Amino acid sequence: MKISRRQLLGTAVIGGLAPATLIAENPAVQTANSYHCEILVCGGGPAGFAAATNAARMGRKVILLEKYGRLGGMGIHARVWPLMGGVKSPFVTEVHKKIGGGSFNPELADLYYADFFLHAGGKLLLHSWATEPMMKGNTIVGVKAISKQGTLTVHADLVIDATGDADIAVAAGVPFEIGRDGDGLVQPMSIMFYVEGVGSNAQYCGSEQAARNTKINDHETWETVTTAAQKTGELPETVGVVRTYKMGRPGKACVNATQINKLFGTKVEDLTLAELECRKQAIQTVEFMNKHLPGYEKCYISHMPSVIGVRETRRICGLQQLKRDDCITGRKWDDFLVRNAHFVIDIHNPAGSGQAEDHTDTQLQGEAASVKPYDIPRGCFIPQKIDGLLVAGRCISGTHDAHASYRVQNICMAMGAGVGTLAAAALQEKKSPTEVDIEKVQKTLFG
């Protein structure tokens, strides 16, 4: 769909998008740099925008803070494409119908996300980085944010941390875990990028398993070719799989290959190193593709992300914890907020390349473990020790292995939809999130 400059600047509703003037139409109260609302959501990624939208749809006064200039999180800023993960969620289905499904257009999707929230009656503040919780004893009563106009203070009855890194929860004193057992390493950061000039004869390879099964010629597979280049230094030692995804436009593909290990997405110096190194790896990867992968001889980088892709940082300690076996066996919970989530245990190797598990003579880069559709219970979103706070997104309460499955965007969006509904119900019933009638919340979510 093409939208002209004149159309985007118009005041009429164009292509299902709300006019920008809706941003000012909100019942939340503002005085100078101080705001008051019922529910404050920190972070405008899939989890945050979903939480804010569902809470606003239930009649709550909601403010959504986002540190960047666009909603959508990693899918927009880090070019993480397509939207992955299966889940039973009417909200996710609704969003997919509007944005074009998992193969969304990242140039426009953020406008649709904003439209969902603004039509629900929420107040959106972009370029507002939530940094510091305001506390009254063990209860969070609001958040301070930094902005171009100075410090903003937002007072709220309930706060939802959807920062991805549990920034507000940890600053408030919520205990957390980081990394895997043993060495504490997290999944590596990566740059995903787009290439154009891809030939019509090109094959696409989206996983380690696909790399083993994709033939380059009579005696080599995608995996053996990349592993050989890795060993000779033609590819970095951490790049053992070059994953490619066919995009909607002819000749265009998304590439997920770069990887930098043993760095943490909560440390500024690590983030700086990762940004620079992974961009260099992207250039090296395309040179490899030009030389070795049929159909990619003339491809070139057409789009680089604004920020590094971060898979894993902090995970809060909640009232319940999702574990690996819960995902593998497809565990069901009576108090679920997310239903039938499914994505492989996708642990990008924290200390090497490929998957962290199942490296063999025939599986050179390992293989992800399969799961059965599983639920995520309410307690995973409710932190220990601190009241007035809920968490949604990849930083919920779960183990390193379980996190590797639920961290993907569709599942995080479903988390946000559930948490926003729970928060609104808690205010409506004048109860804590632990005391709310969960069956009523589930009925609202799933009908």
Protein backbone atom coordinates (compact mmCIF):
# COMPACT_ATOMS: atom_id res chain seq x y z
CA MET A 1 0.00 0.00 0.00
CA LYS A 2 1.41 3.40 -1.01
CA ILE A 3 0.64 6.49 1.06
CA SER A 4 1.51 9.89 -0.32
CA ARG A 5 2.94 12.73 1.72
CA ARG A 6 -0.28 14.66 1.22
CA GLN A 7 -2.31 11.75 2.57
CA LEU A 8 -0.12 11.31 5.63
CA LEU A 9 -0.37 14.98 6.46
CA GLY A 10 -4.11 15.14 5.95
CA THR A 11 -6.63 15.32 8.75
CA ALA A 12 -9.02 12.69 7.45
CA VAL A 13 -8.78 9.01 8.41
CA ILE A 14 -6.68 7.49 5.62
CA GLY A 15 -6.21 3.76 5.06
CA GLY A 16 -7.55 2.93 8.51
CA LEU A 17 -5.13 5.28 10.26
CA ALA A 18 -6.30 7.86 12.76
CA PRO A 19 -5.39 11.53 12.25
CA ALA A 20 -2.47 12.75 14.32
CA THR A 21 -4.74 15.18 16.18
CA LEU A 22 -6.04 12.25 18.23
CA ILE A 23 -2.83 12.37 20.23
CA ALA A 24 -4.16 15.34 22.17
CA GLU A 25 -7.56 13.82 22.88
CA ASN A 26 -7.16 11.99 26.18
CA PRO A 27 -8.69 12.31 29.64
CA ALA A 28 -5.33 11.85 31.43
CA VAL A 29 -4.46 15.00 33.39
CA GLN A 30 -1.37 17.07 32.64
CA THR A 31 0.10 19.95 34.64
CA ALA A 32 3.39 21.29 33.25
CA ASN A 33 5.73 18.27 33.24
CA SER A 34 3.52 16.25 35.57
CA TYR A 35 0.92 13.75 34.41
CA HIS A 36 -1.70 11.67 36.22
CA CYS A 37 -3.34 8.52 34.92
CA GLU A 38 -4.78 5.24 36.13
CA ILE A 39 -2.45 2.92 34.23
CA LEU A 40 1.03 3.83 33.03
CA VAL A 41 2.78 1.57 30.51
CA CYS A 42 6.54 1.94 30.09
CA GLY A 43 7.75 0.74 26.71
CA GLY A 44 5.97 0.74 23.34
CA GLY A 45 7.06 -2.60 21.89
CA PRO A 46 4.59 -5.40 21.10
CA ALA A 47 3.93 -6.09 24.79
CA GLY A 48 3.64 -2.45 25.82
CA PHE A 49 1.42 -1.25 23.00
CA ALA A 50 -0.87 -4.26 23.49
CA ALA A 51 -1.11 -3.73 27.25
CA ALA A 52 -1.84 -0.03 26.84
CA THR A 53 -4.44 -0.62 24.12
CA ASN A 54 -6.41 -3.28 25.99
CA ALA A 55 -6.38 -1.27 29.22
CA ALA A 56 -7.63 1.83 27.38
CA ARG A 57 -10.33 -0.19 25.61
CA MET A 58 -11.66 -1.14 29.04
CA GLY A 59 -12.18 2.53 29.86
CA ARG A 60 -9.05 3.20 31.89
CA LYS A 61 -7.05 6.43 31.64
CA VAL A 62 -3.79 5.19 30.15
CA ILE A 63 -0.47 6.81 29.30
CA LEU A 64 2.08 4.99 27.17
CA LEU A 65 5.73 6.11 27.36
CA GLU A 66 8.13 5.15 24.56
CA LYS A 67 11.79 6.20 24.49
CA TYR A 68 12.07 6.22 20.68
CA GLY A 69 10.01 8.06 18.08
CA ARG A 70 8.07 5.01 16.89
CA LEU A 71 6.11 2.17 18.48
CA GLY A 72 6.86 -1.45 17.71
CA GLY A 73 10.06 -2.28 19.58
CA MET A 74 12.57 -4.66 18.01
CA GLY A 75 10.40 -5.27 14.94
CA ILE A 76 10.63 -1.60 13.97
CA HIS A 77 13.92 -0.34 15.39
CA ALA A 78 16.04 -3.50 15.08
CA ARG A 79 14.43 -4.84 11.87
CA VAL A 80 13.48 -8.12 13.58
CA TRP A 81 11.35 -9.65 10.83
CA PRO A 82 8.99 -11.49 10.45
CA LEU A 83 6.83 -11.59 13.58
CA MET A 84 7.39 -15.05 15.04
CA GLY A 85 5.68 -17.33 17.51
CA GLY A 86 2.26 -18.94 17.59
CA VAL A 87 -0.35 -18.08 20.19
CA LYS A 88 -4.11 -18.13 20.67
CA SER A 89 -4.96 -14.46 21.03
CA PRO A 90 -7.85 -12.54 19.46
CA PHE A 91 -5.86 -9.34 19.98
CA VAL A 92 -2.83 -10.65 18.06
CA THR A 93 -5.15 -11.86 15.30
CA GLU A 94 -6.76 -8.43 15.10
CA VAL A 95 -3.37 -6.71 14.84
CA HIS A 96 -2.18 -9.11 12.15
CA LYS A 97 -5.27 -8.39 10.04
CA LYS A 98 -4.47 -4.70 10.18
CA ILE A 99 -0.70 -4.78 9.58
CA GLY A 100 -0.60 -7.56 6.98
CA GLY A 101 0.26 -10.56 9.16
CA GLY A 102 3.65 -11.69 10.39
CA SER A 103 5.25 -10.46 7.16
CA PHE A 104 4.39 -6.88 8.10
CA ASN A 105 5.77 -3.71 6.51
CA PRO A 106 8.14 -2.25 9.15
CA GLU A 107 7.97 1.16 7.48
CA LEU A 108 4.26 1.49 8.32
CA ALA A 109 3.45 -0.92 11.14
CA ASP A 110 4.24 1.58 13.91
CA LEU A 111 1.52 3.90 12.58
CA TYR A 112 -1.02 1.10 12.89
CA TYR A 113 0.16 0.29 16.42
CA ALA A 114 -0.31 3.93 17.39
CA ASP A 115 -3.70 3.97 15.72
CA PHE A 116 -4.90 1.02 17.81
CA PHE A 117 -3.91 2.77 21.01
CA LEU A 118 -5.10 6.27 20.14
CA HIS A 119 -8.50 5.04 18.94
CA ALA A 120 -8.85 3.30 22.30
CA GLY A 121 -8.51 6.70 23.98
CA GLY A 122 -4.98 6.49 25.35
CA LYS A 123 -2.35 9.20 25.60
CA LEU A 124 0.94 8.54 23.81
CA LEU A 125 4.22 10.21 24.76
CA LEU A 126 7.07 9.39 22.40
CA HIS A 127 10.68 10.41 23.06
CA SER A 128 10.02 9.83 26.76
CA TRP A 129 12.38 7.37 28.46
CA ALA A 130 11.03 5.90 31.70
CA THR A 131 13.98 5.81 34.08
CA GLU A 132 13.02 5.94 37.75
CA PRO A 133 10.11 4.56 39.78
CA MET A 134 8.38 6.75 42.34
CA MET A 135 7.80 4.73 45.49
CA LYS A 136 5.61 4.89 48.55
CA GLY A 137 7.00 2.19 50.78
CA ASN A 138 6.93 -1.02 48.75
CA THR A 139 4.35 0.33 46.31
CA ILE A 140 5.19 2.00 43.02
CA VAL A 141 3.03 5.10 42.53
CA GLY A 142 4.46 6.43 39.28
CA VAL A 143 7.54 6.86 37.16
CA LYS A 144 9.94 9.61 36.21
CA ALA A 145 11.03 9.90 32.60
CA ILE A 146 13.65 11.96 30.81
CA SER A 147 12.73 13.99 27.76
CA LYS A 148 13.82 17.00 25.71
CA GLN A 149 11.61 19.23 27.86
CA GLY A 150 13.16 17.96 31.08
CA THR A 151 12.10 15.37 33.63
CA LEU A 152 8.53 14.13 33.35
CA THR A 153 6.67 12.70 36.33
CA VAL A 154 3.75 10.38 35.68
CA HIS A 155 1.61 9.39 38.68
CA ALA A 156 -0.39 6.19 38.25
CA ASP A 157 -2.52 3.72 40.16
CA LEU A 158 -0.82 0.82 38.37
CA VAL A 159 2.42 0.66 36.37
CA ILE A 160 3.22 -1.90 33.67
CA ASP A 161 6.91 -2.44 32.90
CA ALA A 162 7.17 -3.41 29.24
CA THR A 163 10.72 -2.13 28.75
CA GLY A 164 12.01 -5.55 27.74
CA ASP A 165 14.81 -5.27 30.28
CA ALA A 166 12.68 -4.84 33.44
CA ASP A 167 14.24 -1.39 33.92
CA ILE A 168 11.54 -0.01 36.18
CA ALA A 169 10.92 -3.25 38.07
CA VAL A 170 14.59 -3.71 38.92
CA ALA A 171 15.00 -0.05 39.90
CA ALA A 172 12.01 -0.47 42.24
CA GLY A 173 13.67 -3.40 43.98
CA VAL A 174 12.19 -6.44 42.26
CA PRO A 175 14.62 -9.39 42.42
CA PHE A 176 15.73 -10.71 39.04
CA GLU A 177 17.83 -13.29 37.23
CA ILE A 178 20.09 -12.85 34.24
CA GLY A 179 21.72 -15.40 31.98
CA ARG A 180 21.90 -19.17 32.09
CA ASP A 181 22.87 -21.36 35.00
CA GLY A 182 26.56 -21.98 35.42
CA ASP A 183 28.28 -19.13 33.59
CA GLY A 184 25.52 -16.47 33.60
CA LEU A 185 25.85 -15.82 29.87
CA VAL A 186 22.88 -14.44 27.92
CA GLN A 187 21.88 -15.04 24.33
CA PRO A 188 23.97 -12.97 21.90
CA MET A 189 22.96 -9.67 20.38
CA SER A 190 22.59 -9.40 16.59
CA ILE A 191 22.06 -6.98 13.73
CA MET A 192 19.29 -8.00 11.32
CA PHE A 193 19.38 -6.25 7.98
CA TYR A 194 17.68 -6.25 4.58
CA VAL A 195 19.27 -6.98 1.22
CA GLU A 196 18.05 -6.28 -2.28
CA GLY A 197 19.23 -7.57 -5.64
CA VAL A 198 18.36 -11.16 -4.74
CA GLY A 199 17.89 -13.41 -7.77
CA SER A 200 14.73 -15.35 -8.57
CA ASN A 201 16.68 -18.61 -8.16
CA ALA A 202 17.63 -17.86 -4.55
CA GLN A 203 16.78 -20.30 -1.77
CA TYR A 204 15.76 -19.16 1.71
CA CYS A 205 16.95 -20.66 4.96
CA GLY A 206 15.36 -19.65 8.27
CA SER A 207 16.85 -22.02 10.82
CA GLU A 208 19.65 -24.43 11.68
CA GLN A 209 17.48 -27.34 10.61
CA ALA A 210 16.72 -25.68 7.28
CA ALA A 211 20.44 -25.05 6.77
CA ARG A 212 21.13 -28.78 7.08
CA ASN A 213 18.40 -29.64 4.60
CA THR A 214 19.07 -26.95 1.98
CA LYS A 215 21.34 -28.15 -0.82
CA ILE A 216 23.75 -25.67 -2.42
CA ASN A 217 25.04 -28.25 -4.90
CA ASP A 218 25.41 -32.01 -5.17
CA HIS A 219 27.79 -32.34 -2.23
CA GLU A 220 27.31 -29.27 -0.05
CA THR A 221 24.49 -27.93 2.10
CA TRP A 222 23.83 -24.42 3.35
CA GLU A 223 25.21 -25.52 6.73
CA THR A 224 28.44 -27.06 5.43
CA VAL A 225 29.20 -24.03 3.26
CA THR A 226 28.71 -21.55 6.12
CA THR A 227 30.57 -23.72 8.62
CA ALA A 228 33.54 -24.02 6.24
CA ALA A 229 33.63 -20.23 5.82
CA GLN A 230 33.43 -19.85 9.58
CA LYS A 231 36.47 -22.11 10.05
CA THR A 232 38.58 -20.30 7.45
CA GLY A 233 37.73 -16.84 8.80
CA GLU A 234 35.67 -15.81 5.79
CA LEU A 235 32.81 -15.53 8.31
CA PRO A 236 33.29 -14.54 11.96
CA GLU A 237 33.70 -17.49 14.32
CA THR A 238 30.33 -16.69 15.92
CA VAL A 239 28.47 -16.74 12.57
CA GLY A 240 27.67 -20.35 11.72
CA VAL A 241 24.18 -19.90 10.28
CA VAL A 242 23.08 -17.32 7.70
CA ARG A 243 19.30 -17.15 8.03
CA THR A 244 17.38 -15.52 5.18
CA TYR A 245 13.68 -14.70 4.92
CA LYS A 246 11.87 -13.81 1.72
CA MET A 247 10.13 -10.46 1.94
CA GLY A 248 7.10 -9.30 -0.02
CA ARG A 249 8.94 -7.31 -2.65
CA PRO A 250 10.75 -9.25 -5.41
CA GLY A 251 14.50 -9.36 -4.94
CA LYS A 252 14.37 -8.45 -1.24
CA ALA A 253 15.30 -10.55 1.79
CA CYS A 254 15.85 -10.18 5.51
CA VAL A 255 19.11 -11.59 6.89
CA ASN A 256 19.72 -12.81 10.44
CA ALA A 257 23.34 -13.95 10.76
CA THR A 258 25.49 -11.57 12.78
CA GLN A 259 26.22 -12.41 16.38
CA ILE A 260 28.37 -11.11 19.20
CA ASN A 261 28.79 -13.19 22.35
CA LYS A 262 29.49 -12.58 26.04
CA LEU A 263 28.11 -9.04 26.06
CA PHE A 264 25.12 -7.68 27.97
CA GLY A 265 22.33 -5.47 26.65
CA THR A 266 22.14 -3.58 29.94
CA LYS A 267 25.72 -2.23 29.71
CA VAL A 268 26.44 0.86 27.63
CA GLU A 269 29.95 -0.15 26.62
CA ASP A 270 28.76 -3.62 25.57
CA LEU A 271 25.94 -2.11 23.53
CA THR A 272 28.37 0.27 21.82
CA LEU A 273 30.73 -2.55 20.91
CA ALA A 274 27.86 -4.72 19.69
CA GLU A 275 26.42 -1.98 17.47
CA LEU A 276 29.74 -1.41 15.69
CA GLU A 277 30.94 -4.99 15.48
CA CYS A 278 27.66 -6.44 14.20
CA ARG A 279 27.42 -3.83 11.45
CA LYS A 280 30.89 -4.85 10.31
CA GLN A 281 29.79 -8.49 10.43
CA ALA A 282 26.82 -7.61 8.22
CA ILE A 283 29.18 -6.38 5.50
CA GLN A 284 31.31 -9.52 5.86
CA THR A 285 28.21 -11.72 5.68
CA VAL A 286 27.01 -10.14 2.43
CA GLU A 287 30.46 -10.62 0.88
CA PHE A 288 30.18 -14.30 1.79
CA MET A 289 26.67 -14.50 0.31
CA ASN A 290 27.84 -12.86 -2.93
CA LYS A 291 30.53 -15.52 -3.31
CA HIS A 292 28.87 -18.73 -2.11
CA LEU A 293 25.05 -18.62 -2.17
CA PRO A 294 23.28 -19.02 -5.54
CA GLY A 295 20.89 -16.16 -6.19
CA TYR A 296 22.72 -13.81 -3.84
CA GLU A 297 25.64 -12.99 -6.16
CA LYS A 298 24.51 -9.39 -6.68
CA CYS A 299 22.68 -8.70 -3.43
CA TYR A 300 23.56 -5.65 -1.36
CA ILE A 301 22.56 -4.13 1.98
CA SER A 302 19.55 -1.86 1.50
CA HIS A 303 18.41 -1.29 5.09
CA MET A 304 20.28 -1.41 8.39
CA PRO A 305 18.51 -1.20 11.78
CA SER A 306 18.50 1.80 14.09
CA VAL A 307 19.55 -0.27 17.12
CA ILE A 308 21.13 -3.61 17.92
CA GLY A 309 18.80 -6.56 18.39
CA VAL A 310 18.76 -7.69 22.02
CA ARG A 311 17.38 -11.14 22.79
CA GLU A 312 17.86 -11.51 26.52
CA THR A 313 18.69 -9.43 29.58
CA ARG A 314 16.93 -9.47 32.96
CA ARG A 315 14.10 -11.77 33.95
CA ILE A 316 12.09 -10.77 37.02
CA CYS A 317 11.37 -13.11 39.90
CA GLY A 318 7.59 -13.35 39.95
CA LEU A 319 4.99 -15.15 42.00
CA GLN A 320 5.26 -18.01 39.50
CA GLN A 321 8.02 -19.01 37.08
CA LEU A 322 7.69 -20.61 33.65
CA LYS A 323 10.21 -23.41 33.12
CA ARG A 324 11.62 -25.41 30.24
CA ASP A 325 9.53 -28.50 30.97
CA ASP A 326 6.38 -26.36 31.01
CA CYS A 327 7.11 -25.46 27.39
CA ILE A 328 8.27 -28.89 26.27
CA THR A 329 5.24 -30.67 27.73
CA GLY A 330 2.71 -27.96 26.86
CA ARG A 331 1.64 -27.29 30.45
CA LYS A 332 -1.78 -25.75 31.01
CA TRP A 333 -2.67 -23.46 33.92
CA ASP A 334 -6.06 -22.53 35.32
CA ASP A 335 -4.97 -18.91 35.83
CA PHE A 336 -3.49 -18.38 32.37
CA LEU A 337 -3.15 -14.97 30.76
CA VAL A 338 -1.47 -16.33 27.61
CA ARG A 339 -2.93 -19.42 25.95
CA ASN A 340 -1.34 -21.95 23.60
CA ALA A 341 1.97 -20.19 23.04
CA HIS A 342 4.40 -22.14 20.90
CA PHE A 343 7.86 -21.47 19.55
CA VAL A 344 10.97 -23.64 19.73
CA ILE A 345 13.47 -23.36 22.60
CA ASP A 346 15.55 -21.03 20.43
CA ILE A 347 18.79 -20.51 22.37
CA HIS A 348 21.23 -18.72 20.09
CA ASN A 349 24.51 -20.01 21.45
CA PRO A 350 25.82 -17.67 24.20
CA ALA A 351 29.35 -19.08 23.87
CA GLY A 352 29.59 -20.12 20.22
CA SER A 353 27.51 -20.22 17.06
CA GLY A 354 24.22 -21.79 16.00
CA GLN A 355 22.02 -23.24 18.72
CA ALA A 356 23.33 -23.85 22.23
CA GLU A 357 22.22 -27.50 22.15
CA ASP A 358 22.56 -30.72 20.13
CA HIS A 359 25.78 -30.12 18.21
CA THR A 360 26.72 -33.40 16.51
CA ASP A 361 28.70 -34.60 13.49
CA THR A 362 25.56 -34.28 11.38
CA GLN A 363 24.08 -31.24 13.17
CA LEU A 364 27.07 -28.94 12.98
CA GLN A 365 25.29 -25.88 14.35
CA GLY A 366 22.94 -27.62 16.80
CA GLU A 367 19.17 -27.72 16.83
CA ALA A 368 16.37 -26.04 18.78
CA ALA A 369 14.14 -28.21 20.98
CA SER A 370 10.45 -28.41 20.05
CA VAL A 371 7.61 -27.43 22.38
CA LYS A 372 3.91 -28.16 22.68
CA PRO A 373 1.43 -25.27 22.98
CA TYR A 374 1.72 -24.00 26.56
CA ASP A 375 0.05 -21.42 28.78
CA ILE A 376 1.66 -18.62 30.78
CA PRO A 377 0.04 -18.09 34.20
CA ARG A 378 -0.80 -14.82 35.93
CA GLY A 379 1.97 -15.09 38.51
CA CYS A 380 4.70 -14.80 35.87
CA PHE A 381 3.62 -11.19 35.31
CA ILE A 382 3.37 -10.19 38.98
CA PRO A 383 6.73 -9.37 40.58
CA GLN A 384 7.82 -10.32 44.05
CA LYS A 385 8.18 -7.70 46.83
CA ILE A 386 6.75 -4.67 44.97
CA ASP A 387 3.06 -3.71 44.73
CA GLY A 388 1.35 -1.58 42.09
CA LEU A 389 3.47 -3.11 39.34
CA LEU A 390 2.98 -5.65 36.53
CA VAL A 391 5.50 -6.81 33.92
CA ALA A 392 4.94 -7.84 30.30
CA GLY A 393 7.27 -8.95 27.53
CA ARG A 394 10.51 -10.89 27.44
CA CYS A 395 11.46 -9.87 31.01
CA ILE A 396 8.66 -11.80 32.75
CA SER A 397 9.38 -14.53 35.29
CA GLY A 398 10.85 -17.56 33.53
CA THR A 399 14.00 -19.60 33.24
CA HIS A 400 16.68 -18.99 30.61
CA ASP A 401 15.40 -21.94 28.55
CA ALA A 402 11.72 -21.01 28.74
CA HIS A 403 12.58 -17.41 27.89
CA ALA A 404 14.15 -18.66 24.64
CA SER A 405 10.66 -19.73 23.54
CA TYR A 406 8.38 -16.96 24.83
CA ARG A 407 10.62 -13.98 23.97
CA VAL A 408 9.35 -13.67 20.36
CA GLN A 409 7.10 -10.83 19.29
CA ASN A 410 3.72 -12.51 18.80
CA ILE A 411 3.88 -14.14 22.22
CA CYS A 412 5.02 -10.88 23.82
CA MET A 413 2.08 -9.11 22.18
CA ALA A 414 -0.29 -11.68 23.68
CA MET A 415 1.36 -11.13 27.07
CA GLY A 416 0.68 -7.41 26.82
CA ALA A 417 -2.95 -7.98 25.87
CA GLY A 418 -3.39 -10.17 28.95
CA VAL A 419 -1.58 -7.89 31.38
CA GLY A 420 -3.40 -4.77 30.18
CA THR A 421 -6.72 -6.52 30.67
CA LEU A 422 -5.68 -7.75 34.12
CA ALA A 423 -4.59 -4.25 35.16
CA ALA A 424 -7.85 -2.68 34.01
CA ALA A 425 -9.88 -5.36 35.80
CA ALA A 426 -7.92 -4.80 39.01
CA LEU A 427 -8.83 -1.10 39.02
CA GLN A 428 -12.42 -1.82 38.05
CA GLU A 429 -12.86 -4.38 40.84
CA LYS A 430 -10.70 -2.37 43.29
CA LYS A 431 -8.58 -5.42 43.98
CA SER A 432 -4.93 -6.33 43.61
CA PRO A 433 -3.99 -8.20 40.40
CA THR A 434 -3.59 -11.37 42.47
CA GLU A 435 -7.19 -11.16 43.72
CA VAL A 436 -8.97 -10.33 40.45
CA ASP A 437 -11.44 -12.93 39.17
CA ILE A 438 -9.20 -14.55 36.54
CA GLU A 439 -12.11 -16.22 34.75
CA LYS A 440 -13.64 -12.82 34.02
CA VAL A 441 -10.29 -11.62 32.67
CA GLN A 442 -10.00 -14.71 30.48
CA LYS A 443 -13.53 -14.20 29.18
CA THR A 444 -12.68 -10.62 28.23
CA LEU A 445 -9.53 -11.79 26.45
CA PHE A 446 -10.87 -14.84 24.67
CA GLY A 447 -14.66 -14.42 24.63
